Structure formats: structure tokens, C-alpha cells
Amino acid sequence: MLHLRMIVPSETTPAVTELIGSTVGTTHLVVLPGAARSPAGDVVLCDVAREAGDELLKGLRGLRIDQVGSIAVDDIGLTLSERAVTAEKEAPGEPADAVIWEQLTGATHEESTLSVTYVAFMALATMIAACGVVLDNAVLIVGAMAVGPEFGPLAGVCTAMVRRAPRLAARSLIALLVGFAVAIATTTLFSLGMDAFDLFSRDRLDAERPNTSFIWQPDPFSFVVALLAGAAGVLSLTSAKSGALVGVAISVTTVPAGANAAVALAYGDLGQMWGSIEQLLLNLLGIMLAGVLTLYGQKLLWRTQRGRWRRPSRKGR
């Protein structure tokens, strides 16, 4: 379940409590008159089943509570309450299938911020992958995939397209493009430095490399895997099953492709460089396409439940 803590202007509190009382899956309603100081108003608390959370938040935003007061949402790890059990039974659908769109937008907005930390992780992941490419070491490639933070901006683009949020889309695309550009440029210089110390060599890049040659040789499976990973990644975000996101990260060839392009650029191997860029673009396109389709599918699924979100107002909930 979700716990909502709201600061509400006193004159709006009756409308808020009526909305909460008429929404299925809500319980544990508490009103603390005049308890809030900044901004001044009443504090309203309630619990809501995750399945009904998005609908309740829409209603609260319709009352402009996010503008004249505040809305804070927390996940509840454990609730021992018969009323909570009843509320979850009343809410249609399953908690794991529910999408809290405001929460998703907030999470992707944060993950797609172009920060020094984000760029540093991108550069470090790409340099690790460069070592894996030259050494033909699959373990290093997998490690680099897990370190790379590129799925945040990718999810941001998908969310922005579905929610028609141009600012989030622009922010995410800038983070994605700048992140890869800086990472590839940094890794190119890193490769030249490693070559100067005789740790990288053109012969190693041109060797057979059975474990990593797929990185710059895209095929139909590259796009298929990207589609599957994109769908799985978005589902892991919307269902709060973050553990699945690690599996997504190590199943797509984004960071390794950027690394191979950087090493190939350092040695002037345009064939491998363009093959790697093609692999990178193919993966990015597949992930974004699958992510958008998955979010639209989830939106359509919950739209069919819209008529079941209201109930007659009951006292004592």
C-alpha cells in the first residue's frame, strides 16, 4: 500500500476527505485540523492500495492540492490492519500491475538529470568496457553494462512520449546524447593513453575476439533483445521490482558498443567504429520503442478499470 501525507487549505479539506472516501482502496483517514504551519492548513493522512493510488493522485491534483498545499507519497513495507486488507481487496487489479504515473515521472526525471555523477558513471562504464573489448573479456563487458546509467534517460524518453511531456523528453535526450558523447570521447583518449603504455594494441583490436566481436557486428537478434530488454526494464520501474533492472542492464549492448567505437576511433578503424555505432543506435531504438509500447499497454489496461474506482462515501474508513 501507499501512505499519503497532505497539507490542505482548511476550506478544501471537506472536498479532499470526500474524494478519499469515494475512492476504492482507501483507508486509515486522519485529519489534523490546523496542524500545518508552512504552508498553513490541515494535515490529512490516508493509506491507499497501490492499484488505486494513481486515480487518487489525479483527483487530488484536480483539486490543486499540489499547488496550494503539498502531497507526499511513501511506500508502506508492512501494514497490520484488517481495514487495509479490505481496501486492497476492493481495489481492482493487482498491485504489481499498477503504475503510479507521478512517481514514474519523478523517478525518471531524477535519473535523467545531466549531472557530473551521471557523466562520470557513463565514462567509467565505457572505459571498463574498453578494457573488456581489447582483452576479449566477457566478465568486464558484463560489469560495464551493470555500471552504465543509460537506462534512466531511456526510461525518461519513454515516459515523456507517453505522458506528452516535452521538457522531460528534451532533458532525457540531452542527458543520453551528452553522456554517450563524453563517454566515447573520454574512452578514446583513455585508449590512446593505454596504447602509449603498451597495454592496448591494434593487433588486439583486430584479433578474432570470439567473446566480444558481436559488439560491432549487429544482427536481427540485437534489435530483438533490445525490444525484450526495453519492455522488461519499463516493467521493473513501474512495478518497483528494481532487481530486474540489473538483468536488463546486462542484456543490451549500449555501453560496450560505445566503448568499441571509441577504441576503434583511437586506432582509425572506421569499419569497427561504424559497426559499433550501428549496434548502439539499434539497441537504443529497440529499448525506446519497446518502452513506449509497454507504457501505452499499461495505460490502456488501467483505463479499462476507470469505471470501478468510485464507491459510495462511507464513514469510519
C-alpha atoms as a PDB file:
ATOM      1  CA  MET A   1       0.000   0.000   0.000  1.00  0.00           C
ATOM      2  CA  LEU A   2       0.886   3.684  -0.257  1.00  0.00           C
ATOM      3  CA  HIS A   3       0.786   6.279   2.511  1.00  0.00           C
ATOM      4  CA  LEU A   4      -0.243   9.812   1.573  1.00  0.00           C
ATOM      5  CA  ARG A   5       0.545  12.853   3.682  1.00  0.00           C
ATOM      6  CA  MET A   6      -1.095  16.065   2.533  1.00  0.00           C
ATOM      7  CA  ILE A   7      -1.135  19.686   3.612  1.00  0.00           C
ATOM      8  CA  VAL A   8      -4.520  21.043   2.637  1.00  0.00           C
ATOM      9  CA  PRO A   9      -6.067  24.523   2.994  1.00  0.00           C
ATOM     10  CA  SER A  10      -8.809  24.300   5.623  1.00  0.00           C
ATOM     11  CA  GLU A  11     -11.532  25.306   3.175  1.00  0.00           C
ATOM     12  CA  THR A  12     -10.526  22.473   0.816  1.00  0.00           C
ATOM     13  CA  THR A  13     -10.325  19.719   3.453  1.00  0.00           C
ATOM     14  CA  PRO A  14     -14.006  18.631   3.093  1.00  0.00           C
ATOM     15  CA  ALA A  15     -13.537  18.102  -0.667  1.00  0.00           C
ATOM     16  CA  VAL A  16     -10.328  16.138  -0.070  1.00  0.00           C
ATOM     17  CA  THR A  17     -11.880  13.863   2.555  1.00  0.00           C
ATOM     18  CA  GLU A  18     -14.890  13.300   0.296  1.00  0.00           C
ATOM     19  CA  LEU A  19     -12.600  12.334  -2.578  1.00  0.00           C
ATOM     20  CA  ILE A  20     -10.666   9.915  -0.370  1.00  0.00           C
ATOM     21  CA  GLY A  21     -13.865   8.417   0.986  1.00  0.00           C
ATOM     22  CA  SER A  22     -15.283   7.860  -2.501  1.00  0.00           C
ATOM     23  CA  THR A  23     -12.158   6.217  -3.944  1.00  0.00           C
ATOM     24  CA  VAL A  24     -11.884   2.461  -3.644  1.00  0.00           C
ATOM     25  CA  GLY A  25      -8.854   1.067  -1.856  1.00  0.00           C
ATOM     26  CA  THR A  26      -8.500   3.904   0.673  1.00  0.00           C
ATOM     27  CA  THR A  27      -8.473   3.593   4.446  1.00  0.00           C
ATOM     28  CA  HIS A  28      -6.901   4.953   7.670  1.00  0.00           C
ATOM     29  CA  LEU A  29      -8.069   8.513   7.007  1.00  0.00           C
ATOM     30  CA  VAL A  30      -6.744  11.008   9.575  1.00  0.00           C
ATOM     31  CA  VAL A  31      -7.384  14.775   9.647  1.00  0.00           C
ATOM     32  CA  LEU A  32      -5.298  17.051  11.886  1.00  0.00           C
ATOM     33  CA  PRO A  33      -7.015  20.481  11.773  1.00  0.00           C
ATOM     34  CA  GLY A  34      -4.609  23.409  11.671  1.00  0.00           C
ATOM     35  CA  ALA A  35      -1.544  21.238  12.245  1.00  0.00           C
ATOM     36  CA  ALA A  36       0.423  22.548   9.240  1.00  0.00           C
ATOM     37  CA  ARG A  37       2.422  25.767   9.504  1.00  0.00           C
ATOM     38  CA  SER A  38       4.266  26.134   6.201  1.00  0.00           C
ATOM     39  CA  PRO A  39       2.059  26.276   4.235  1.00  0.00           C
ATOM     40  CA  ALA A  40      -0.690  26.803   6.778  1.00  0.00           C
ATOM     41  CA  GLY A  41      -3.587  24.365   6.718  1.00  0.00           C
ATOM     42  CA  ASP A  42      -4.779  20.946   7.793  1.00  0.00           C
ATOM     43  CA  VAL A  43      -2.719  17.772   7.652  1.00  0.00           C
ATOM     44  CA  VAL A  44      -4.591  14.908   6.007  1.00  0.00           C
ATOM     45  CA  LEU A  45      -3.216  11.360   6.147  1.00  0.00           C
ATOM     46  CA  CYS A  46      -4.513   8.209   4.487  1.00  0.00           C
ATOM     47  CA  ASP A  47      -3.440   4.856   3.128  1.00  0.00           C
ATOM     48  CA  VAL A  48      -4.407   3.673  -0.339  1.00  0.00           C
ATOM     49  CA  ALA A  49      -3.938   0.428  -2.240  1.00  0.00           C
ATOM     50  CA  ARG A  50      -1.268   0.819  -4.898  1.00  0.00           C
ATOM     51  CA  GLU A  51      -3.816  -0.070  -7.597  1.00  0.00           C
ATOM     52  CA  ALA A  52      -5.914   2.978  -6.660  1.00  0.00           C
ATOM     53  CA  GLY A  53      -3.024   5.340  -5.981  1.00  0.00           C
ATOM     54  CA  ASP A  54      -2.790   6.916  -9.424  1.00  0.00           C
ATOM     55  CA  GLU A  55      -6.519   7.639  -9.599  1.00  0.00           C
ATOM     56  CA  LEU A  56      -6.486   9.257  -6.159  1.00  0.00           C
ATOM     57  CA  LEU A  57      -3.476  11.401  -7.063  1.00  0.00           C
ATOM     58  CA  LYS A  58      -5.262  12.571 -10.214  1.00  0.00           C
ATOM     59  CA  GLY A  59      -8.233  13.610  -8.114  1.00  0.00           C
ATOM     60  CA  LEU A  60      -6.032  15.459  -5.622  1.00  0.00           C
ATOM     61  CA  ARG A  61      -4.253  17.310  -8.403  1.00  0.00           C
ATOM     62  CA  GLY A  62      -7.656  18.158  -9.833  1.00  0.00           C
ATOM     63  CA  LEU A  63      -8.331  19.913  -6.510  1.00  0.00           C
ATOM     64  CA  ARG A  64      -4.975  21.723  -6.947  1.00  0.00           C
ATOM     65  CA  ILE A  65      -3.584  20.328  -3.702  1.00  0.00           C
ATOM     66  CA  ASP A  66      -0.141  20.115  -5.314  1.00  0.00           C
ATOM     67  CA  GLN A  67      -0.292  23.888  -5.940  1.00  0.00           C
ATOM     68  CA  VAL A  68      -1.948  25.247  -2.801  1.00  0.00           C
ATOM     69  CA  GLY A  69      -0.547  22.650  -0.396  1.00  0.00           C
ATOM     70  CA  SER A  70       1.536  19.519  -0.779  1.00  0.00           C
ATOM     71  CA  ILE A  71       1.245  15.781  -1.433  1.00  0.00           C
ATOM     72  CA  ALA A  72       3.877  13.298  -0.213  1.00  0.00           C
ATOM     73  CA  VAL A  73       3.701   9.599  -1.075  1.00  0.00           C
ATOM     74  CA  ASP A  74       5.580   6.765   0.651  1.00  0.00           C
ATOM     75  CA  ASP A  75       5.567   3.020   0.083  1.00  0.00           C
ATOM     76  CA  ILE A  76       4.400   1.022   3.093  1.00  0.00           C
ATOM     77  CA  GLY A  77       6.513  -2.030   3.765  1.00  0.00           C
ATOM     78  CA  LEU A  78       4.136  -3.633   6.252  1.00  0.00           C
ATOM     79  CA  THR A  79       0.607  -2.884   7.464  1.00  0.00           C
ATOM     80  CA  LEU A  80      -1.152  -4.990  10.088  1.00  0.00           C
ATOM     81  CA  SER A  81      -4.763  -3.960   9.651  1.00  0.00           C
ATOM     82  CA  GLU A  82      -7.983  -5.678   8.622  1.00  0.00           C
ATOM     83  CA  ARG A  83      -9.123  -2.409   7.059  1.00  0.00           C
ATOM     84  CA  ALA A  84      -6.007  -2.368   4.881  1.00  0.00           C
ATOM     85  CA  VAL A  85      -6.703  -5.933   3.762  1.00  0.00           C
ATOM     86  CA  THR A  86     -10.273  -4.970   2.871  1.00  0.00           C
ATOM     87  CA  ALA A  87      -9.124  -1.867   0.989  1.00  0.00           C
ATOM     88  CA  GLU A  88      -6.685  -3.897  -1.109  1.00  0.00           C
ATOM     89  CA  LYS A  89      -9.408  -6.425  -1.930  1.00  0.00           C
ATOM     90  CA  GLU A  90     -11.758  -3.651  -3.049  1.00  0.00           C
ATOM     91  CA  ALA A  91      -9.236  -2.099  -5.426  1.00  0.00           C
ATOM     92  CA  PRO A  92      -9.448  -3.733  -8.869  1.00  0.00           C
ATOM     93  CA  GLY A  93      -6.326  -5.271 -10.356  1.00  0.00           C
ATOM     94  CA  GLU A  94      -3.071  -6.341  -8.775  1.00  0.00           C
ATOM     95  CA  PRO A  95      -0.507  -4.103  -7.006  1.00  0.00           C
ATOM     96  CA  ALA A  96       2.358  -5.334  -9.198  1.00  0.00           C
ATOM     97  CA  ASP A  97       0.468  -4.256 -12.330  1.00  0.00           C
ATOM     98  CA  ALA A  98      -0.326  -0.733 -11.122  1.00  0.00           C
ATOM     99  CA  VAL A  99       1.514   2.293 -12.490  1.00  0.00           C
ATOM    100  CA  ILE A 100       1.869   5.408 -10.351  1.00  0.00           C
ATOM    101  CA  TRP A 101       2.491   7.847 -13.169  1.00  0.00           C
ATOM    102  CA  GLU A 102       3.534  10.750 -10.974  1.00  0.00           C
ATOM    103  CA  GLN A 103       6.039   8.502  -9.195  1.00  0.00           C
ATOM    104  CA  LEU A 104       7.370   7.201 -12.513  1.00  0.00           C
ATOM    105  CA  THR A 105       7.742  10.710 -13.905  1.00  0.00           C
ATOM    106  CA  GLY A 106       9.555  11.859 -10.767  1.00  0.00           C
ATOM    107  CA  ALA A 107      11.905   8.870 -10.811  1.00  0.00           C
ATOM    108  CA  THR A 108      12.797   9.189 -14.497  1.00  0.00           C
ATOM    109  CA  HIS A 109      13.219  12.951 -14.121  1.00  0.00           C
ATOM    110  CA  GLU A 110      15.801  12.368 -11.400  1.00  0.00           C
ATOM    111  CA  GLU A 111      17.555   9.541 -13.257  1.00  0.00           C
ATOM    112  CA  SER A 112      17.802  11.559 -16.475  1.00  0.00           C
ATOM    113  CA  THR A 113      19.473  14.602 -14.944  1.00  0.00           C
ATOM    114  CA  LEU A 114      22.701  15.552 -16.688  1.00  0.00           C
ATOM    115  CA  SER A 115      24.959  15.677 -13.644  1.00  0.00           C
ATOM    116  CA  VAL A 116      28.676  15.230 -13.054  1.00  0.00           C
ATOM    117  CA  THR A 117      27.946  11.904 -11.338  1.00  0.00           C
ATOM    118  CA  TYR A 118      25.896  10.633 -14.284  1.00  0.00           C
ATOM    119  CA  VAL A 119      28.592  11.563 -16.811  1.00  0.00           C
ATOM    120  CA  ALA A 120      31.283  10.055 -14.579  1.00  0.00           C
ATOM    121  CA  PHE A 121      29.442   6.735 -14.401  1.00  0.00           C
ATOM    122  CA  MET A 122      28.975   6.748 -18.181  1.00  0.00           C
ATOM    123  CA  ALA A 123      32.674   7.427 -18.781  1.00  0.00           C
ATOM    124  CA  LEU A 124      33.845   4.863 -16.226  1.00  0.00           C
ATOM    125  CA  ALA A 125      31.490   2.181 -17.553  1.00  0.00           C
ATOM    126  CA  THR A 126      32.677   2.825 -21.115  1.00  0.00           C
ATOM    127  CA  MET A 127      36.339   2.658 -20.103  1.00  0.00           C
ATOM    128  CA  ILE A 128      35.744  -0.623 -18.283  1.00  0.00           C
ATOM    129  CA  ALA A 129      34.040  -1.938 -21.418  1.00  0.00           C
ATOM    130  CA  ALA A 130      37.015  -0.773 -23.497  1.00  0.00           C
ATOM    131  CA  CYS A 131      39.287  -2.967 -21.387  1.00  0.00           C
ATOM    132  CA  GLY A 132      36.873  -5.846 -21.942  1.00  0.00           C
ATOM    133  CA  VAL A 133      36.879  -5.230 -25.690  1.00  0.00           C
ATOM    134  CA  VAL A 134      40.653  -5.213 -26.029  1.00  0.00           C
ATOM    135  CA  LEU A 135      41.143  -8.202 -23.703  1.00  0.00           C
ATOM    136  CA  ASP A 136      38.138 -10.042 -25.177  1.00  0.00           C
ATOM    137  CA  ASN A 137      36.915 -10.439 -21.599  1.00  0.00           C
ATOM    138  CA  ALA A 138      33.175 -11.058 -21.260  1.00  0.00           C
ATOM    139  CA  VAL A 139      33.260 -10.514 -17.475  1.00  0.00           C
ATOM    140  CA  LEU A 140      34.455  -6.927 -17.930  1.00  0.00           C
ATOM    141  CA  ILE A 141      31.787  -6.335 -20.577  1.00  0.00           C
ATOM    142  CA  VAL A 142      29.049  -7.541 -18.221  1.00  0.00           C
ATOM    143  CA  GLY A 143      30.455  -5.409 -15.413  1.00  0.00           C
ATOM    144  CA  ALA A 144      30.450  -2.337 -17.631  1.00  0.00           C
ATOM    145  CA  MET A 145      26.839  -2.995 -18.613  1.00  0.00           C
ATOM    146  CA  ALA A 146      25.834  -3.109 -14.950  1.00  0.00           C
ATOM    147  CA  VAL A 147      27.686   0.143 -14.143  1.00  0.00           C
ATOM    148  CA  GLY A 148      26.249   2.137 -17.055  1.00  0.00           C
ATOM    149  CA  PRO A 149      23.395   4.504 -16.028  1.00  0.00           C
ATOM    150  CA  GLU A 150      21.955   4.981 -19.515  1.00  0.00           C
ATOM    151  CA  PHE A 151      18.623   3.276 -18.834  1.00  0.00           C
ATOM    152  CA  GLY A 152      17.492   6.257 -16.724  1.00  0.00           C
ATOM    153  CA  PRO A 153      17.404   8.704 -19.663  1.00  0.00           C
ATOM    154  CA  LEU A 154      15.972   5.986 -21.925  1.00  0.00           C
ATOM    155  CA  ALA A 155      13.102   5.455 -19.481  1.00  0.00           C
ATOM    156  CA  GLY A 156      12.718   9.227 -19.279  1.00  0.00           C
ATOM    157  CA  VAL A 157      12.246   9.471 -23.048  1.00  0.00           C
ATOM    158  CA  CYS A 158       9.648   6.680 -23.000  1.00  0.00           C
ATOM    159  CA  THR A 159       7.731   8.241 -20.115  1.00  0.00           C
ATOM    160  CA  ALA A 160       7.837  11.682 -21.708  1.00  0.00           C
ATOM    161  CA  MET A 161       6.457  10.383 -25.001  1.00  0.00           C
ATOM    162  CA  VAL A 162       3.555   8.595 -23.328  1.00  0.00           C
ATOM    163  CA  ARG A 163       2.767  11.496 -20.965  1.00  0.00           C
ATOM    164  CA  ARG A 164       3.411  14.122 -23.668  1.00  0.00           C
ATOM    165  CA  ALA A 165       5.971  15.915 -21.551  1.00  0.00           C
ATOM    166  CA  PRO A 166       8.330  17.723 -23.972  1.00  0.00           C
ATOM    167  CA  ARG A 167      10.551  19.133 -21.221  1.00  0.00           C
ATOM    168  CA  LEU A 168      11.234  15.684 -19.769  1.00  0.00           C
ATOM    169  CA  ALA A 169      11.855  14.341 -23.279  1.00  0.00           C
ATOM    170  CA  ALA A 170      14.367  17.081 -24.071  1.00  0.00           C
ATOM    171  CA  ARG A 171      16.072  16.682 -20.688  1.00  0.00           C
ATOM    172  CA  SER A 172      16.381  12.909 -21.146  1.00  0.00           C
ATOM    173  CA  LEU A 173      17.626  13.107 -24.745  1.00  0.00           C
ATOM    174  CA  ILE A 174      20.249  15.687 -23.807  1.00  0.00           C
ATOM    175  CA  ALA A 175      21.462  13.510 -20.926  1.00  0.00           C
ATOM    176  CA  LEU A 176      21.583  10.461 -23.204  1.00  0.00           C
ATOM    177  CA  LEU A 177      23.402  12.135 -26.097  1.00  0.00           C
ATOM    178  CA  VAL A 178      25.830  14.181 -23.997  1.00  0.00           C
ATOM    179  CA  GLY A 179      26.532  11.198 -21.757  1.00  0.00           C
ATOM    180  CA  PHE A 180      27.489   8.939 -24.662  1.00  0.00           C
ATOM    181  CA  ALA A 181      29.407  11.693 -26.453  1.00  0.00           C
ATOM    182  CA  VAL A 182      31.527  12.473 -23.391  1.00  0.00           C
ATOM    183  CA  ALA A 183      31.995   8.779 -22.595  1.00  0.00           C
ATOM    184  CA  ILE A 184      33.163   7.944 -26.121  1.00  0.00           C
ATOM    185  CA  ALA A 185      35.493  10.960 -26.270  1.00  0.00           C
ATOM    186  CA  THR A 186      36.944  10.140 -22.846  1.00  0.00           C
ATOM    187  CA  THR A 187      37.400   6.485 -23.732  1.00  0.00           C
ATOM    188  CA  THR A 188      39.130   7.404 -26.990  1.00  0.00           C
ATOM    189  CA  LEU A 189      41.705   9.409 -25.030  1.00  0.00           C
ATOM    190  CA  PHE A 190      41.897   6.594 -22.475  1.00  0.00           C
ATOM    191  CA  SER A 191      42.636   4.123 -25.281  1.00  0.00           C
ATOM    192  CA  LEU A 192      45.413   6.299 -26.677  1.00  0.00           C
ATOM    193  CA  GLY A 193      46.917   6.542 -23.195  1.00  0.00           C
ATOM    194  CA  MET A 194      46.708   2.777 -22.696  1.00  0.00           C
ATOM    195  CA  ASP A 195      48.356   2.292 -26.100  1.00  0.00           C
ATOM    196  CA  ALA A 196      51.191   4.600 -25.069  1.00  0.00           C
ATOM    197  CA  PHE A 197      51.825   2.316 -22.096  1.00  0.00           C
ATOM    198  CA  ASP A 198      51.650  -0.696 -24.439  1.00  0.00           C
ATOM    199  CA  LEU A 199      48.549  -2.049 -22.671  1.00  0.00           C
ATOM    200  CA  PHE A 200      46.244  -1.646 -25.710  1.00  0.00           C
ATOM    201  CA  SER A 201      47.282  -2.502 -29.251  1.00  0.00           C
ATOM    202  CA  ARG A 202      45.815  -2.501 -32.756  1.00  0.00           C
ATOM    203  CA  ASP A 203      46.587  -6.206 -33.047  1.00  0.00           C
ATOM    204  CA  ARG A 204      44.337  -6.988 -30.076  1.00  0.00           C
ATOM    205  CA  LEU A 205      41.514  -4.938 -31.579  1.00  0.00           C
ATOM    206  CA  ASP A 206      41.839  -6.704 -34.928  1.00  0.00           C
ATOM    207  CA  ALA A 207      42.154 -10.173 -33.361  1.00  0.00           C
ATOM    208  CA  GLU A 208      39.331 -12.721 -33.702  1.00  0.00           C
ATOM    209  CA  ARG A 209      37.805 -11.889 -30.262  1.00  0.00           C
ATOM    210  CA  PRO A 210      35.154 -14.656 -30.089  1.00  0.00           C
ATOM    211  CA  ASN A 211      33.677 -13.321 -26.835  1.00  0.00           C
ATOM    212  CA  THR A 212      33.189  -9.696 -27.859  1.00  0.00           C
ATOM    213  CA  SER A 213      33.188  -9.441 -31.664  1.00  0.00           C
ATOM    214  CA  PHE A 214      29.354  -9.363 -31.620  1.00  0.00           C
ATOM    215  CA  ILE A 215      29.567  -5.823 -30.228  1.00  0.00           C
ATOM    216  CA  TRP A 216      30.407  -4.282 -33.599  1.00  0.00           C
ATOM    217  CA  GLN A 217      28.539  -6.815 -35.739  1.00  0.00           C
ATOM    218  CA  PRO A 218      24.815  -6.085 -35.237  1.00  0.00           C
ATOM    219  CA  ASP A 219      22.229  -8.571 -36.467  1.00  0.00           C
ATOM    220  CA  PRO A 220      18.439  -9.028 -36.102  1.00  0.00           C
ATOM    221  CA  PHE A 221      18.910 -10.558 -32.658  1.00  0.00           C
ATOM    222  CA  SER A 222      20.422  -7.260 -31.461  1.00  0.00           C
ATOM    223  CA  PHE A 223      17.115  -5.499 -32.105  1.00  0.00           C
ATOM    224  CA  VAL A 224      15.015  -8.371 -30.722  1.00  0.00           C
ATOM    225  CA  VAL A 225      16.985  -8.449 -27.458  1.00  0.00           C
ATOM    226  CA  ALA A 226      16.748  -4.657 -27.185  1.00  0.00           C
ATOM    227  CA  LEU A 227      12.963  -4.854 -27.560  1.00  0.00           C
ATOM    228  CA  LEU A 228      12.665  -7.517 -24.861  1.00  0.00           C
ATOM    229  CA  ALA A 229      15.040  -5.664 -22.540  1.00  0.00           C
ATOM    230  CA  GLY A 230      13.198  -2.385 -23.036  1.00  0.00           C
ATOM    231  CA  ALA A 231       9.873  -3.960 -22.083  1.00  0.00           C
ATOM    232  CA  ALA A 232      11.416  -5.686 -19.060  1.00  0.00           C
ATOM    233  CA  GLY A 233      13.149  -2.510 -17.931  1.00  0.00           C
ATOM    234  CA  VAL A 234       9.997  -0.399 -18.016  1.00  0.00           C
ATOM    235  CA  LEU A 235       8.042  -3.108 -16.192  1.00  0.00           C
ATOM    236  CA  SER A 236      10.718  -3.206 -13.491  1.00  0.00           C
ATOM    237  CA  LEU A 237      10.342   0.544 -12.971  1.00  0.00           C
ATOM    238  CA  THR A 238       6.554   0.668 -12.939  1.00  0.00           C
ATOM    239  CA  SER A 239       6.189  -2.338 -10.649  1.00  0.00           C
ATOM    240  CA  ALA A 240       9.014  -1.245  -8.311  1.00  0.00           C
ATOM    241  CA  LYS A 241      10.850  -4.527  -8.974  1.00  0.00           C
ATOM    242  CA  SER A 242      14.222  -2.850  -9.284  1.00  0.00           C
ATOM    243  CA  GLY A 243      16.096  -6.141  -9.114  1.00  0.00           C
ATOM    244  CA  ALA A 244      15.020  -6.912 -12.664  1.00  0.00           C
ATOM    245  CA  LEU A 245      16.696  -3.725 -13.867  1.00  0.00           C
ATOM    246  CA  VAL A 246      20.143  -5.214 -13.322  1.00  0.00           C
ATOM    247  CA  GLY A 247      19.257  -8.038 -15.694  1.00  0.00           C
ATOM    248  CA  VAL A 248      18.093  -5.501 -18.245  1.00  0.00           C
ATOM    249  CA  ALA A 249      21.352  -3.566 -17.960  1.00  0.00           C
ATOM    250  CA  ILE A 250      23.485  -6.615 -18.758  1.00  0.00           C
ATOM    251  CA  SER A 251      21.355  -7.801 -21.667  1.00  0.00           C
ATOM    252  CA  VAL A 252      21.774  -4.876 -24.062  1.00  0.00           C
ATOM    253  CA  THR A 253      24.900  -3.758 -25.919  1.00  0.00           C
ATOM    254  CA  THR A 254      24.861   0.006 -25.407  1.00  0.00           C
ATOM    255  CA  VAL A 255      27.893   0.878 -23.281  1.00  0.00           C
ATOM    256  CA  PRO A 256      30.070  -1.879 -24.849  1.00  0.00           C
ATOM    257  CA  ALA A 257      29.163  -0.629 -28.330  1.00  0.00           C
ATOM    258  CA  GLY A 258      30.182   2.890 -27.342  1.00  0.00           C
ATOM    259  CA  ALA A 259      33.437   1.528 -25.933  1.00  0.00           C
ATOM    260  CA  ASN A 260      34.250  -0.454 -29.061  1.00  0.00           C
ATOM    261  CA  ALA A 261      33.528   2.626 -31.181  1.00  0.00           C
ATOM    262  CA  ALA A 262      35.929   4.656 -29.022  1.00  0.00           C
ATOM    263  CA  VAL A 263      38.767   2.121 -29.233  1.00  0.00           C
ATOM    264  CA  ALA A 264      38.249   1.715 -32.974  1.00  0.00           C
ATOM    265  CA  LEU A 265      38.286   5.504 -33.380  1.00  0.00           C
ATOM    266  CA  ALA A 266      41.553   5.699 -31.461  1.00  0.00           C
ATOM    267  CA  TYR A 267      43.139   3.313 -33.983  1.00  0.00           C
ATOM    268  CA  GLY A 268      41.368   4.747 -37.041  1.00  0.00           C
ATOM    269  CA  ASP A 269      39.398   1.576 -37.709  1.00  0.00           C
ATOM    270  CA  LEU A 270      36.311   3.140 -39.278  1.00  0.00           C
ATOM    271  CA  GLY A 271      34.743  -0.229 -40.108  1.00  0.00           C
ATOM    272  CA  GLN A 272      34.547  -1.314 -36.481  1.00  0.00           C
ATOM    273  CA  MET A 273      33.626   2.192 -35.377  1.00  0.00           C
ATOM    274  CA  TRP A 274      30.576   2.456 -37.656  1.00  0.00           C
ATOM    275  CA  GLY A 275      29.566  -1.122 -36.881  1.00  0.00           C
ATOM    276  CA  SER A 276      29.655  -0.299 -33.172  1.00  0.00           C
ATOM    277  CA  ILE A 277      27.650   2.904 -33.657  1.00  0.00           C
ATOM    278  CA  GLU A 278      25.057   0.960 -35.645  1.00  0.00           C
ATOM    279  CA  GLN A 279      24.846  -1.558 -32.788  1.00  0.00           C
ATOM    280  CA  LEU A 280      24.461   1.287 -30.288  1.00  0.00           C
ATOM    281  CA  LEU A 281      21.705   3.039 -32.238  1.00  0.00           C
ATOM    282  CA  LEU A 282      19.885  -0.242 -32.868  1.00  0.00           C
ATOM    283  CA  ASN A 283      19.829  -1.007 -29.152  1.00  0.00           C
ATOM    284  CA  LEU A 284      18.715   2.488 -28.169  1.00  0.00           C
ATOM    285  CA  LEU A 285      15.918   2.445 -30.737  1.00  0.00           C
ATOM    286  CA  GLY A 286      14.718  -1.015 -29.668  1.00  0.00           C
ATOM    287  CA  ILE A 287      14.678  -0.110 -25.974  1.00  0.00           C
ATOM    288  CA  MET A 288      12.770   3.138 -26.523  1.00  0.00           C
ATOM    289  CA  LEU A 289      10.250   1.547 -28.892  1.00  0.00           C
ATOM    290  CA  ALA A 290       9.519  -1.322 -26.509  1.00  0.00           C
ATOM    291  CA  GLY A 291       9.387   1.042 -23.533  1.00  0.00           C
ATOM    292  CA  VAL A 292       6.822   3.309 -25.165  1.00  0.00           C
ATOM    293  CA  LEU A 293       4.653   0.388 -26.298  1.00  0.00           C
ATOM    294  CA  THR A 294       4.821  -1.175 -22.822  1.00  0.00           C
ATOM    295  CA  LEU A 295       3.736   2.044 -21.120  1.00  0.00           C
ATOM    296  CA  TYR A 296       0.895   2.545 -23.588  1.00  0.00           C
ATOM    297  CA  GLY A 297      -0.186  -1.041 -22.936  1.00  0.00           C
ATOM    298  CA  GLN A 298      -0.222  -0.446 -19.187  1.00  0.00           C
ATOM    299  CA  LYS A 299      -2.110   2.810 -19.668  1.00  0.00           C
ATOM    300  CA  LEU A 300      -4.740   1.042 -21.766  1.00  0.00           C
ATOM    301  CA  LEU A 301      -5.037  -1.772 -19.222  1.00  0.00           C
ATOM    302  CA  TRP A 302      -5.783   0.587 -16.349  1.00  0.00           C
ATOM    303  CA  ARG A 303      -8.099   2.746 -18.442  1.00  0.00           C
ATOM    304  CA  THR A 304     -10.431  -0.239 -18.654  1.00  0.00           C
ATOM    305  CA  GLN A 305     -10.610  -0.161 -14.838  1.00  0.00           C
ATOM    306  CA  ARG A 306     -11.579   3.523 -14.668  1.00  0.00           C
ATOM    307  CA  GLY A 307     -15.273   2.883 -14.062  1.00  0.00           C
ATOM    308  CA  ARG A 308     -14.504   0.814 -10.957  1.00  0.00           C
ATOM    309  CA  TRP A 309     -12.609   3.465  -8.975  1.00  0.00           C
ATOM    310  CA  ARG A 310     -15.586   5.087  -7.265  1.00  0.00           C
ATOM    311  CA  ARG A 311     -17.750   3.881  -4.415  1.00  0.00           C
ATOM    312  CA  PRO A 312     -20.442   5.446  -2.265  1.00  0.00           C
ATOM    313  CA  SER A 313     -18.872   7.505   0.524  1.00  0.00           C
ATOM    314  CA  ARG A 314     -18.607   5.555   3.781  1.00  0.00           C
ATOM    315  CA  LYS A 315     -17.967   6.875   7.229  1.00  0.00           C
ATOM    316  CA  GLY A 316     -15.422   5.439   9.579  1.00  0.00           C
ATOM    317  CA  ARG A 317     -12.902   4.420   6.937  1.00  0.00           C
END
